[in-house]
Amino acid sequence: MQFQLNEEQLMIQKAARDFAQNECLPGVIERDEKQQFPEAQVLKLAELGFMGMMTAPEYGGAGMDSISYVLAMEEISKIDASVSVCMSVNNSLVCWGLEKYGSEEQKQQYLTPLAQGRKEGSLYLGAFLLSEPEAGSDATSQHTIAEDKGDHYVLNGTKNWITNGKTASIYLVMAQTDVSKGSKGINTFIVEKNTAGITVGAKENKLGIRGSDTHSVMFQDVKVPKQNRIGDDGFGFSFAMKTLAGGRIGIAAQALGIASGAYERAVDYAKQRKAFGKEIAHHQIIQFKLADMATRIEAARLLCLRAAWEKDNGNDYTLSSSMAKVYASETAMWVTTEAVQIHGGYGYVKEYHVERLMRDAKITQIYEGTSEVQRIVIGRGILK
């Protein structure tokens, strides 16, 4: 087993770290307060090739491995999780799914600009539309209907909690085409956002990742060409589950980055802040906190890298990605809370960043499969 990163991976890690420090850190508090979508930062990510990191170069991507993706996600998430979640959705849920399961025509038309993150100079992102008002953890309960009309489908329904909901150009929409078949009656469709009948709801006023573009999306008699269905009839639910398994690696890496960012700020603060005549870093109780934080973060990092390695080597990574996500997300919540505690009163104000990181951490326990769902997946995996 090799624990040392190769030269290319180290280069990508440094590029992501430099980007986060130079492009994301300035204005991050203001963007959070104003719920401002980080368009300039995402465009810059596209220029760096990070919006289609794992997509093959023939489709406009950078052709990097999953380990490089984890490294980049961690570094960017240390500073701004609103930026990294845009990157995660576009890479893991949209580009990967299209490249793996889309037709050649679909790849040429949609994947290439998505992997580049822009088209004709403008931002070009994808969104993954699975969740509904009554279909969250129970993804089989799809109420969005796609009625087969021969050469096209007619789409009706509502999707909730959609990252990139307003800024995306392309939606991957899961919808029920045959209720009698249950999950085998679900299909996934590529839908262009500017199609007639689509309405995007107001931006959600969220606890964390407030810059992220989260909306409900409504479909009323939306016409979708037959050739925009991904895979065979009834493949939609399998597509969603297979795609989410990889997406969990991205969110695990995001959680890891949030934890790492909070930990680094806690260490720096502990070295500067004095109490009882010496820096608080010299008090054993603070050292114990930092030691536990560092240990949990390293364990989460190894789980993330293991899941990425499994994916890169063509192994089944369903179990490892769920383990990485549940552990990294719970580590992020615990570490950020401890970071606020170490900062004391300063941790409760925005200027020191850790309160924002704590708010951002919470969503990693919820989206792309809650911690409860991950434990179900893990339990089934170890008992099969």
Protein backbone atom coordinates (compact mmCIF):
# COMPACT_ATOMS: atom_id res chain seq x y z
CA MET A 1 0.00 0.00 0.00
CA GLN A 2 1.38 3.38 -1.04
CA PHE A 3 0.76 6.34 1.28
CA GLN A 4 2.85 8.86 -0.64
CA LEU A 5 1.21 11.15 -3.18
CA ASN A 6 2.76 11.29 -6.63
CA GLU A 7 4.11 14.45 -8.20
CA GLU A 8 0.96 15.23 -10.18
CA GLN A 9 -1.27 14.80 -7.12
CA LEU A 10 0.96 17.10 -5.06
CA MET A 11 0.83 19.67 -7.84
CA ILE A 12 -2.97 19.54 -7.94
CA GLN A 13 -3.15 19.82 -4.16
CA LYS A 14 -0.96 22.92 -4.22
CA ALA A 15 -2.93 24.48 -7.08
CA ALA A 16 -6.17 23.95 -5.16
CA ARG A 17 -4.65 25.36 -1.96
CA ASP A 18 -3.36 28.45 -3.77
CA PHE A 19 -6.72 28.96 -5.47
CA ALA A 20 -8.56 28.71 -2.16
CA GLN A 21 -6.27 31.17 -0.41
CA ASN A 22 -6.03 33.68 -3.25
CA GLU A 23 -9.47 33.47 -4.87
CA CYS A 24 -11.89 32.12 -2.26
CA LEU A 25 -10.71 33.61 1.03
CA PRO A 26 -11.14 37.27 0.03
CA GLY A 27 -14.82 38.12 0.52
CA VAL A 28 -15.87 34.71 1.84
CA ILE A 29 -17.54 36.16 4.95
CA GLU A 30 -19.42 38.76 2.93
CA ARG A 31 -20.58 36.17 0.39
CA ASP A 32 -21.88 34.03 3.25
CA GLU A 33 -23.76 36.94 4.84
CA LYS A 34 -25.31 38.05 1.54
CA GLN A 35 -25.95 34.49 0.27
CA GLN A 36 -24.01 35.51 -2.83
CA PHE A 37 -23.30 32.81 -5.40
CA PRO A 38 -19.51 32.63 -5.97
CA GLU A 39 -19.69 32.99 -9.75
CA ALA A 40 -16.22 34.51 -10.20
CA GLN A 41 -14.64 31.75 -8.12
CA VAL A 42 -16.46 28.96 -9.98
CA LEU A 43 -15.48 30.46 -13.34
CA LYS A 44 -11.87 30.50 -12.18
CA LEU A 45 -12.18 26.85 -11.14
CA ALA A 46 -13.42 26.09 -14.65
CA GLU A 47 -10.37 27.83 -16.13
CA LEU A 48 -8.13 25.68 -13.93
CA GLY A 49 -9.84 22.51 -15.17
CA PHE A 50 -11.39 21.64 -11.80
CA MET A 51 -15.03 21.49 -12.93
CA GLY A 52 -14.45 18.33 -14.94
CA MET A 53 -11.44 16.94 -13.11
CA MET A 54 -12.15 13.24 -13.67
CA THR A 55 -13.70 13.55 -17.15
CA ALA A 56 -11.65 12.24 -20.04
CA PRO A 57 -9.79 14.90 -22.09
CA GLU A 58 -11.67 13.82 -25.22
CA TYR A 59 -14.80 15.26 -23.57
CA GLY A 60 -13.16 18.45 -22.34
CA GLY A 61 -12.08 17.18 -18.94
CA ALA A 62 -8.74 17.06 -17.15
CA GLY A 63 -8.58 13.26 -16.94
CA MET A 64 -7.40 13.24 -13.31
CA ASP A 65 -7.90 10.47 -10.78
CA SER A 66 -10.31 10.42 -7.85
CA ILE A 67 -7.51 10.88 -5.33
CA SER A 68 -6.60 14.21 -6.97
CA TYR A 69 -10.27 15.16 -6.78
CA VAL A 70 -10.35 14.42 -3.02
CA LEU A 71 -7.20 16.50 -2.49
CA ALA A 72 -8.64 19.46 -4.38
CA MET A 73 -12.01 19.23 -2.64
CA GLU A 74 -10.34 19.22 0.77
CA GLU A 75 -8.22 22.30 0.08
CA ILE A 76 -11.09 24.36 -1.36
CA SER A 77 -13.50 23.28 1.38
CA LYS A 78 -11.10 24.52 4.05
CA ILE A 79 -11.94 28.02 2.88
CA ASP A 80 -15.35 28.03 1.15
CA ALA A 81 -17.69 25.03 1.07
CA SER A 82 -20.13 26.99 -1.09
CA VAL A 83 -17.56 26.91 -3.86
CA SER A 84 -16.60 23.28 -3.31
CA VAL A 85 -20.17 21.98 -3.41
CA CYS A 86 -20.64 23.48 -6.88
CA MET A 87 -17.48 21.68 -7.92
CA SER A 88 -18.61 18.43 -6.28
CA VAL A 89 -22.03 18.31 -7.93
CA ASN A 90 -20.67 19.16 -11.37
CA ASN A 91 -17.87 16.58 -11.13
CA SER A 92 -19.38 13.68 -9.20
CA LEU A 93 -23.08 13.74 -9.94
CA VAL A 94 -23.30 15.26 -13.40
CA CYS A 95 -20.10 14.80 -15.43
CA TRP A 96 -19.29 11.36 -14.06
CA GLY A 97 -22.81 10.04 -14.59
CA LEU A 98 -22.97 11.35 -18.14
CA GLU A 99 -19.56 9.97 -19.07
CA LYS A 100 -20.27 6.56 -17.54
CA TYR A 101 -23.82 6.03 -18.75
CA GLY A 102 -24.64 8.64 -21.39
CA SER A 103 -24.78 8.02 -25.12
CA GLU A 104 -22.04 9.34 -27.37
CA GLU A 105 -24.42 11.98 -28.68
CA GLN A 106 -25.25 13.09 -25.12
CA LYS A 107 -21.57 13.29 -24.24
CA GLN A 108 -20.71 15.38 -27.27
CA GLN A 109 -23.61 17.77 -26.77
CA TYR A 110 -23.65 18.15 -22.99
CA LEU A 111 -20.65 16.57 -21.28
CA THR A 112 -17.97 18.57 -23.07
CA PRO A 113 -19.18 22.03 -22.00
CA LEU A 114 -20.07 20.71 -18.53
CA ALA A 115 -16.55 19.35 -18.02
CA GLN A 116 -15.14 22.69 -19.13
CA GLY A 117 -17.55 24.52 -16.83
CA ARG A 118 -18.30 27.14 -19.42
CA LYS A 119 -19.72 27.63 -22.88
CA GLU A 120 -19.17 30.66 -25.09
CA GLY A 121 -17.52 32.45 -22.17
CA SER A 122 -20.40 31.93 -19.73
CA LEU A 123 -20.70 29.59 -16.77
CA TYR A 124 -22.10 26.18 -17.77
CA LEU A 125 -22.99 23.91 -14.84
CA GLY A 126 -25.09 20.85 -14.20
CA ALA A 127 -27.51 19.96 -11.41
CA PHE A 128 -28.76 16.62 -10.08
CA LEU A 129 -32.53 16.56 -9.45
CA LEU A 130 -33.53 13.62 -7.26
CA SER A 131 -34.99 14.97 -3.98
CA GLU A 132 -38.66 15.92 -3.78
CA PRO A 133 -41.02 17.17 -1.06
CA GLU A 134 -41.90 13.53 -0.29
CA ALA A 135 -38.77 11.82 -1.63
CA GLY A 136 -35.65 12.56 0.36
CA SER A 137 -33.98 9.56 1.97
CA ASP A 138 -36.67 7.38 0.36
CA ALA A 139 -35.59 8.13 -3.20
CA THR A 140 -37.93 5.49 -4.64
CA SER A 141 -40.97 7.65 -3.82
CA GLN A 142 -40.72 9.78 -6.94
CA HIS A 143 -43.82 11.86 -7.63
CA THR A 144 -42.36 13.69 -10.62
CA ILE A 145 -43.91 12.00 -13.65
CA ALA A 146 -42.52 11.62 -17.16
CA GLU A 147 -45.30 10.56 -19.52
CA ASP A 148 -44.12 8.71 -22.62
CA LYS A 149 -45.53 10.39 -25.74
CA GLY A 150 -43.70 8.32 -28.34
CA ASP A 151 -40.85 10.52 -29.56
CA HIS A 152 -40.74 12.57 -26.36
CA TYR A 153 -41.71 12.64 -22.68
CA VAL A 154 -43.81 15.22 -20.84
CA LEU A 155 -42.43 16.04 -17.41
CA ASN A 156 -44.50 17.25 -14.43
CA GLY A 157 -43.46 17.61 -10.80
CA THR A 158 -41.32 19.44 -8.25
CA LYS A 159 -37.74 18.89 -7.11
CA ASN A 160 -36.36 20.26 -3.82
CA TRP A 161 -32.94 21.24 -2.41
CA ILE A 162 -31.26 21.49 -5.81
CA THR A 163 -27.65 22.66 -5.70
CA ASN A 164 -26.88 24.88 -8.73
CA GLY A 165 -30.67 25.05 -9.15
CA LYS A 166 -30.69 28.50 -10.72
CA THR A 167 -27.20 28.73 -12.21
CA ALA A 168 -27.17 25.32 -13.89
CA SER A 169 -27.68 25.08 -17.64
CA ILE A 170 -28.43 21.35 -17.58
CA TYR A 171 -30.57 19.32 -15.20
CA LEU A 172 -30.35 15.55 -14.70
CA VAL A 173 -33.91 14.79 -13.63
CA MET A 174 -35.14 11.54 -12.07
CA ALA A 175 -38.82 10.87 -12.81
CA GLN A 176 -41.33 8.05 -12.64
CA THR A 177 -42.49 6.72 -16.01
CA ASP A 178 -44.32 3.60 -14.78
CA VAL A 179 -45.60 3.67 -11.21
CA SER A 180 -46.52 -0.03 -11.29
CA LYS A 181 -42.83 -0.95 -11.64
CA GLY A 182 -41.70 0.98 -8.55
CA SER A 183 -37.99 1.84 -8.67
CA LYS A 184 -37.67 -0.02 -12.00
CA GLY A 185 -40.08 2.47 -13.53
CA ILE A 186 -37.82 5.47 -12.88
CA ASN A 187 -35.78 7.15 -15.62
CA THR A 188 -33.19 9.91 -15.71
CA PHE A 189 -33.51 12.70 -18.26
CA ILE A 190 -31.21 15.45 -19.48
CA VAL A 191 -33.28 18.63 -19.41
CA GLU A 192 -32.07 22.02 -20.57
CA LYS A 193 -32.99 24.70 -18.03
CA ASN A 194 -34.32 27.13 -20.63
CA THR A 195 -36.96 24.62 -21.76
CA ALA A 196 -40.52 25.96 -21.65
CA GLY A 197 -42.47 25.00 -18.52
CA ILE A 198 -39.60 25.12 -16.02
CA THR A 199 -39.87 27.44 -13.03
CA VAL A 200 -37.07 27.96 -10.51
CA GLY A 201 -38.19 28.83 -7.00
CA ALA A 202 -36.65 31.36 -4.61
CA LYS A 203 -33.21 30.68 -3.20
CA GLU A 204 -33.35 28.80 0.10
CA ASN A 205 -32.25 30.82 3.15
CA LYS A 206 -29.93 28.24 4.66
CA LEU A 207 -27.96 27.71 7.88
CA GLY A 208 -24.71 27.01 6.02
CA ILE A 209 -23.17 26.93 2.54
CA ARG A 210 -25.18 30.10 2.09
CA GLY A 211 -23.45 31.11 -1.13
CA SER A 212 -24.45 27.83 -2.71
CA ASP A 213 -27.34 28.12 -5.16
CA THR A 214 -30.09 25.96 -3.61
CA HIS A 215 -33.60 26.11 -5.12
CA SER A 216 -36.75 24.16 -5.81
CA VAL A 217 -37.38 23.47 -9.50
CA MET A 218 -40.89 22.97 -10.87
CA PHE A 219 -41.83 21.25 -14.15
CA GLN A 220 -45.16 21.83 -15.86
CA ASP A 221 -45.74 19.99 -19.14
CA VAL A 222 -42.05 20.14 -19.99
CA LYS A 223 -41.26 18.41 -23.28
CA VAL A 224 -38.12 16.27 -23.19
CA PRO A 225 -36.81 14.55 -26.36
CA LYS A 226 -36.65 10.75 -26.21
CA GLN A 227 -32.92 10.85 -26.98
CA ASN A 228 -32.38 12.75 -23.70
CA ARG A 229 -33.17 9.71 -21.58
CA ILE A 230 -30.02 8.24 -20.04
CA GLY A 231 -29.66 4.51 -20.53
CA ASP A 232 -32.36 1.91 -21.08
CA ASP A 233 -35.94 2.35 -19.96
CA GLY A 234 -36.13 1.90 -16.18
CA PHE A 235 -32.43 2.57 -15.53
CA GLY A 236 -33.01 5.89 -13.74
CA PHE A 237 -32.97 4.70 -10.13
CA SER A 238 -29.86 2.58 -10.67
CA PHE A 239 -28.24 5.57 -12.36
CA ALA A 240 -29.00 7.75 -9.33
CA MET A 241 -27.68 5.23 -6.80
CA LYS A 242 -24.50 4.45 -8.74
CA THR A 243 -23.82 8.14 -9.26
CA LEU A 244 -24.48 9.02 -5.62
CA ALA A 245 -21.94 6.42 -4.47
CA GLY A 246 -19.24 8.48 -6.18
CA GLY A 247 -20.82 11.73 -5.06
CA ARG A 248 -20.39 10.65 -1.45
CA ILE A 249 -16.64 10.62 -1.95
CA GLY A 250 -16.83 14.27 -2.95
CA ILE A 251 -18.98 15.24 0.04
CA ALA A 252 -16.76 13.20 2.37
CA ALA A 253 -13.81 15.21 1.03
CA GLN A 254 -15.77 18.42 1.53
CA ALA A 255 -16.46 17.47 5.16
CA LEU A 256 -12.79 16.61 5.59
CA GLY A 257 -11.82 20.03 4.27
CA ILE A 258 -14.25 21.86 6.55
CA ALA A 259 -12.82 19.97 9.54
CA SER A 260 -9.24 20.60 8.43
CA GLY A 261 -9.89 24.31 7.93
CA ALA A 262 -11.39 24.66 11.41
CA TYR A 263 -8.56 22.65 12.97
CA GLU A 264 -5.85 24.78 11.32
CA ARG A 265 -7.50 27.95 12.57
CA ALA A 266 -7.82 26.47 16.07
CA VAL A 267 -4.11 25.58 16.13
CA ASP A 268 -3.10 29.06 14.98
CA TYR A 269 -5.37 30.70 17.54
CA ALA A 270 -4.16 28.46 20.38
CA LYS A 271 -0.57 29.50 19.66
CA GLN A 272 -1.47 33.20 19.94
CA ARG A 273 -4.13 33.45 22.61
CA LYS A 274 -2.83 33.76 26.18
CA ALA A 275 -4.63 32.70 29.37
CA PHE A 276 -3.23 32.28 32.86
CA GLY A 277 0.12 33.64 31.78
CA LYS A 278 0.84 31.48 28.72
CA GLU A 279 -0.46 30.61 25.27
CA ILE A 280 -3.46 28.32 25.57
CA ALA A 281 -1.70 25.80 23.33
CA HIS A 282 0.47 25.03 26.37
CA HIS A 283 -2.55 24.09 28.50
CA GLN A 284 -3.05 20.34 28.50
CA ILE A 285 -6.82 20.53 28.04
CA ILE A 286 -6.35 22.45 24.77
CA GLN A 287 -3.61 20.08 23.65
CA PHE A 288 -5.94 17.14 24.24
CA LYS A 289 -8.64 18.82 22.14
CA LEU A 290 -6.19 19.48 19.31
CA ALA A 291 -4.82 15.93 19.54
CA ASP A 292 -8.30 14.42 19.20
CA MET A 293 -9.14 16.77 16.34
CA ALA A 294 -5.96 15.86 14.45
CA THR A 295 -6.50 12.13 14.98
CA ARG A 296 -10.11 12.15 13.79
CA ILE A 297 -9.22 14.27 10.77
CA GLU A 298 -6.43 11.90 9.77
CA ALA A 299 -8.76 8.91 10.11
CA ALA A 300 -11.36 10.68 7.93
CA ARG A 301 -8.68 11.54 5.37
CA LEU A 302 -7.57 7.92 5.10
CA LEU A 303 -11.18 6.78 4.65
CA CYS A 304 -11.66 9.35 1.86
CA LEU A 305 -8.47 8.33 0.10
CA ARG A 306 -9.35 4.64 0.45
CA ALA A 307 -12.74 5.20 -1.20
CA ALA A 308 -11.10 7.22 -3.99
CA TRP A 309 -8.48 4.48 -4.47
CA GLU A 310 -11.21 1.83 -4.70
CA LYS A 311 -12.98 3.89 -7.36
CA ASP A 312 -9.81 4.51 -9.36
CA ASN A 313 -8.97 0.80 -9.32
CA GLY A 314 -12.36 -0.35 -10.54
CA ASN A 315 -13.43 -1.92 -7.25
CA ASP A 316 -16.87 -1.71 -5.65
CA TYR A 317 -16.66 1.48 -3.59
CA THR A 318 -20.25 1.61 -2.29
CA LEU A 319 -19.26 0.55 1.22
CA SER A 320 -16.06 2.57 1.42
CA SER A 321 -17.70 5.75 0.16
CA SER A 322 -20.51 5.46 2.72
CA MET A 323 -17.99 4.85 5.50
CA ALA A 324 -15.97 7.87 4.38
CA LYS A 325 -19.02 10.11 4.21
CA VAL A 326 -20.57 9.21 7.55
CA TYR A 327 -17.26 9.42 9.42
CA ALA A 328 -15.94 12.55 7.71
CA SER A 329 -19.22 14.42 8.10
CA GLU A 330 -19.55 13.60 11.78
CA THR A 331 -15.89 14.48 12.25
CA ALA A 332 -16.54 17.85 10.58
CA MET A 333 -19.40 18.61 12.94
CA TRP A 334 -17.40 17.60 16.02
CA VAL A 335 -14.15 19.32 15.01
CA THR A 336 -15.81 22.61 14.06
CA THR A 337 -17.71 22.68 17.35
CA GLU A 338 -14.45 22.13 19.24
CA ALA A 339 -12.76 24.83 17.15
CA VAL A 340 -15.43 27.32 18.21
CA GLN A 341 -14.92 26.25 21.83
CA ILE A 342 -11.14 26.75 21.62
CA HIS A 343 -11.70 30.24 20.23
CA GLY A 344 -14.05 31.03 23.12
CA GLY A 345 -16.07 34.19 22.58
CA TYR A 346 -14.12 34.96 19.41
CA GLY A 347 -15.30 31.70 17.93
CA TYR A 348 -18.86 32.98 18.09
CA VAL A 349 -18.20 35.96 15.80
CA LYS A 350 -17.88 35.86 12.04
CA GLU A 351 -14.44 37.47 11.82
CA TYR A 352 -12.69 34.28 12.96
CA HIS A 353 -14.39 32.01 10.38
CA VAL A 354 -14.93 28.98 12.61
CA GLU A 355 -18.61 29.71 13.29
CA ARG A 356 -19.20 29.65 9.52
CA LEU A 357 -17.30 26.40 9.17
CA MET A 358 -19.46 24.92 11.94
CA ARG A 359 -22.62 25.97 10.10
CA ASP A 360 -21.25 24.61 6.82
CA ALA A 361 -20.35 21.28 8.44
CA LYS A 362 -23.93 20.36 9.33
CA ILE A 363 -25.15 19.87 5.78
CA THR A 364 -22.51 17.20 5.11
CA GLN A 365 -24.44 14.93 7.50
CA ILE A 366 -27.59 15.43 5.45
CA TYR A 367 -27.15 15.83 1.70
CA GLU A 368 -26.24 13.05 -0.75
CA GLY A 369 -27.50 10.56 1.82
CA THR A 370 -27.98 11.29 5.52
CA SER A 371 -25.78 9.69 8.17
CA GLU A 372 -28.70 7.39 8.96
CA VAL A 373 -28.89 6.24 5.33
CA GLN A 374 -25.12 5.69 5.23
CA ARG A 375 -25.38 3.40 8.24
CA ILE A 376 -28.11 1.43 6.46
CA VAL A 377 -25.83 1.07 3.41
CA ILE A 378 -22.89 0.03 5.58
CA GLY A 379 -24.99 -2.41 7.58
CA ARG A 380 -26.30 -4.09 4.44
CA GLY A 381 -22.79 -4.20 3.02
CA ILE A 382 -21.22 -5.95 5.97
CA LEU A 383 -24.09 -8.42 6.41
CA LYS A 384 -24.62 -9.49 2.79
